Protein backbone atom coordinates (compact mmCIF):
# COMPACT_ATOMS: atom_id res chain seq x y z
CA MET A 1 -5.60 26.24 -49.52
CA GLU A 2 -4.08 24.01 -46.85
CA GLU A 3 -7.44 23.70 -45.02
CA GLN A 4 -9.19 22.83 -48.26
CA ASN A 5 -6.73 20.02 -48.95
CA ASN A 6 -7.11 18.65 -45.41
CA TRP A 7 -10.87 18.20 -45.64
CA LEU A 8 -10.56 16.85 -49.17
CA LYS A 9 -8.06 14.22 -47.97
CA GLN A 10 -10.50 13.23 -45.23
CA GLU A 11 -13.30 13.06 -47.81
CA VAL A 12 -11.24 10.70 -49.99
CA GLU A 13 -10.67 8.39 -46.99
CA GLU A 14 -14.39 8.33 -46.17
CA LEU A 15 -15.21 7.52 -49.79
CA LYS A 16 -12.83 4.58 -49.68
CA GLU A 17 -14.55 3.28 -46.53
CA SER A 18 -18.01 3.43 -48.05
CA ALA A 19 -17.10 2.23 -51.55
CA PHE A 20 -19.03 -0.79 -52.83
CA ASP A 21 -16.87 -3.27 -54.71
CA GLY A 22 -19.34 -6.09 -55.30
CA GLU A 23 -21.25 -7.22 -58.35
CA ARG A 24 -23.80 -4.63 -59.41
CA LYS A 25 -27.37 -5.89 -59.39
CA PRO A 26 -30.60 -3.91 -59.32
CA ALA A 27 -31.99 -3.03 -55.92
CA LEU A 28 -35.00 -4.96 -54.70
CA LYS A 29 -38.08 -2.77 -54.90
CA LEU A 30 -40.98 -3.66 -52.67
CA GLU A 31 -44.41 -2.10 -53.05
CA GLU A 32 -46.41 -0.75 -50.16
CA ASN A 33 -49.05 -3.17 -48.83
CA LYS A 34 -48.06 -5.93 -51.27
CA ILE A 35 -46.44 -9.20 -50.28
CA LYS A 36 -43.39 -10.20 -52.30
CA GLU A 37 -41.86 -13.66 -52.16
CA ILE A 38 -38.07 -13.65 -52.26
CA VAL A 39 -35.29 -16.22 -51.98
CA ILE A 40 -32.19 -15.05 -50.12
CA ASP A 41 -28.73 -16.38 -50.95
CA PHE A 42 -26.93 -17.14 -47.68
CA SER A 43 -24.01 -18.96 -49.36
CA GLU A 44 -21.57 -16.08 -48.71
CA PRO A 45 -21.37 -13.34 -46.08
CA PHE A 46 -23.39 -10.26 -46.96
CA GLN A 47 -21.35 -7.25 -48.03
CA SER A 48 -21.65 -4.05 -46.02
CA TRP A 49 -21.91 -0.43 -47.01
CA LYS A 50 -21.26 2.31 -44.49
CA ASP A 51 -23.33 5.48 -44.81
CA ASN A 52 -21.13 7.99 -42.98
CA GLU A 53 -23.58 10.82 -43.54
CA ASN A 54 -26.38 9.06 -41.64
CA ASN A 55 -24.07 6.99 -39.41
CA THR A 56 -25.62 3.68 -40.49
CA THR A 57 -24.38 0.44 -41.97
CA LYS A 58 -26.41 -1.38 -44.57
CA LYS A 59 -26.09 -5.01 -45.50
CA ILE A 60 -26.34 -5.88 -49.18
CA VAL A 61 -28.47 -9.02 -49.23
CA PRO A 62 -28.49 -10.98 -52.52
CA CYS A 63 -31.92 -12.30 -53.37
CA LYS A 64 -34.14 -13.50 -56.19
CA VAL A 65 -37.71 -12.82 -57.16
CA GLY A 66 -38.56 -15.65 -59.53
CA THR A 67 -35.46 -15.93 -61.69
CA GLU A 68 -34.45 -12.25 -61.45
CA GLU A 69 -31.51 -11.41 -59.19
CA PHE A 70 -31.52 -8.37 -56.93
CA VAL A 71 -29.83 -6.96 -53.86
CA TRP A 72 -31.80 -5.80 -50.87
CA TRP A 73 -30.13 -2.94 -48.99
CA ILE A 74 -31.11 -3.39 -45.33
CA ASN A 75 -30.03 -1.23 -42.42
CA MET A 76 -28.41 -3.54 -39.87
CA LYS A 77 -30.49 -1.92 -37.12
CA ASN A 78 -33.73 -2.81 -38.90
CA PRO A 79 -35.48 -5.63 -37.00
CA ILE A 80 -36.15 -7.53 -40.24
CA TYR A 81 -32.40 -7.95 -40.75
CA HIS A 82 -32.11 -9.80 -37.45
CA GLN A 83 -35.16 -11.94 -38.27
CA ILE A 84 -33.73 -12.90 -41.66
CA VAL A 85 -30.35 -13.82 -40.18
CA ASP A 86 -31.99 -15.93 -37.45
CA LYS A 87 -34.18 -17.76 -39.98
CA GLY A 88 -31.17 -18.21 -42.28
CA LEU A 89 -29.39 -19.99 -39.42
CA GLU A 90 -32.37 -22.33 -39.23
CA GLY A 91 -31.99 -23.09 -42.95
CA GLN A 92 -34.84 -20.96 -44.30
CA THR A 93 -34.17 -19.21 -47.62
CA LYS A 94 -37.69 -18.36 -48.87
CA PHE A 95 -39.42 -15.35 -47.34
CA LYS A 96 -42.63 -13.43 -47.87
CA VAL A 97 -42.10 -9.75 -47.13
CA LEU A 98 -44.72 -7.07 -46.63
CA GLN A 99 -43.78 -3.40 -46.80
CA THR A 100 -45.88 -0.77 -45.07
CA GLY A 101 -45.21 2.95 -45.25
CA ASN A 102 -42.59 4.52 -47.47
CA GLN A 103 -39.37 6.52 -47.25
CA ASN A 104 -38.43 7.15 -43.60
CA LYS A 105 -41.68 5.49 -42.41
CA THR A 106 -41.00 2.22 -44.26
CA ARG A 107 -41.51 -0.94 -42.21
CA TYR A 108 -40.97 -4.53 -43.31
CA THR A 109 -42.77 -7.57 -41.92
CA LEU A 110 -42.10 -11.24 -42.58
CA VAL A 111 -45.32 -13.02 -43.44
CA GLU A 112 -45.55 -16.63 -42.30
């Protein structure tokens, strides 16, 4: 019983670390081989979510498609995250994004 409680206490701590406390918005869904134009809101720092199971951190990027608000969950190690941040520093907020592949083979490309 003692061992069970120990791992459960650790599990509770990990859940606290990865808890999301921001405003709930639908996730941005991109379609394979289709370009989607989005506007990213850089007015506040992006929230983070830590995926302990896969040892990754995702940034929760607020964006709009038309007038609809979404969040785009992007792994910080994904090259598109770095491109978006760099372009955000330059003042760009509108992006055209192309998705190729799906699931673990998903790749995103910024279209100029």
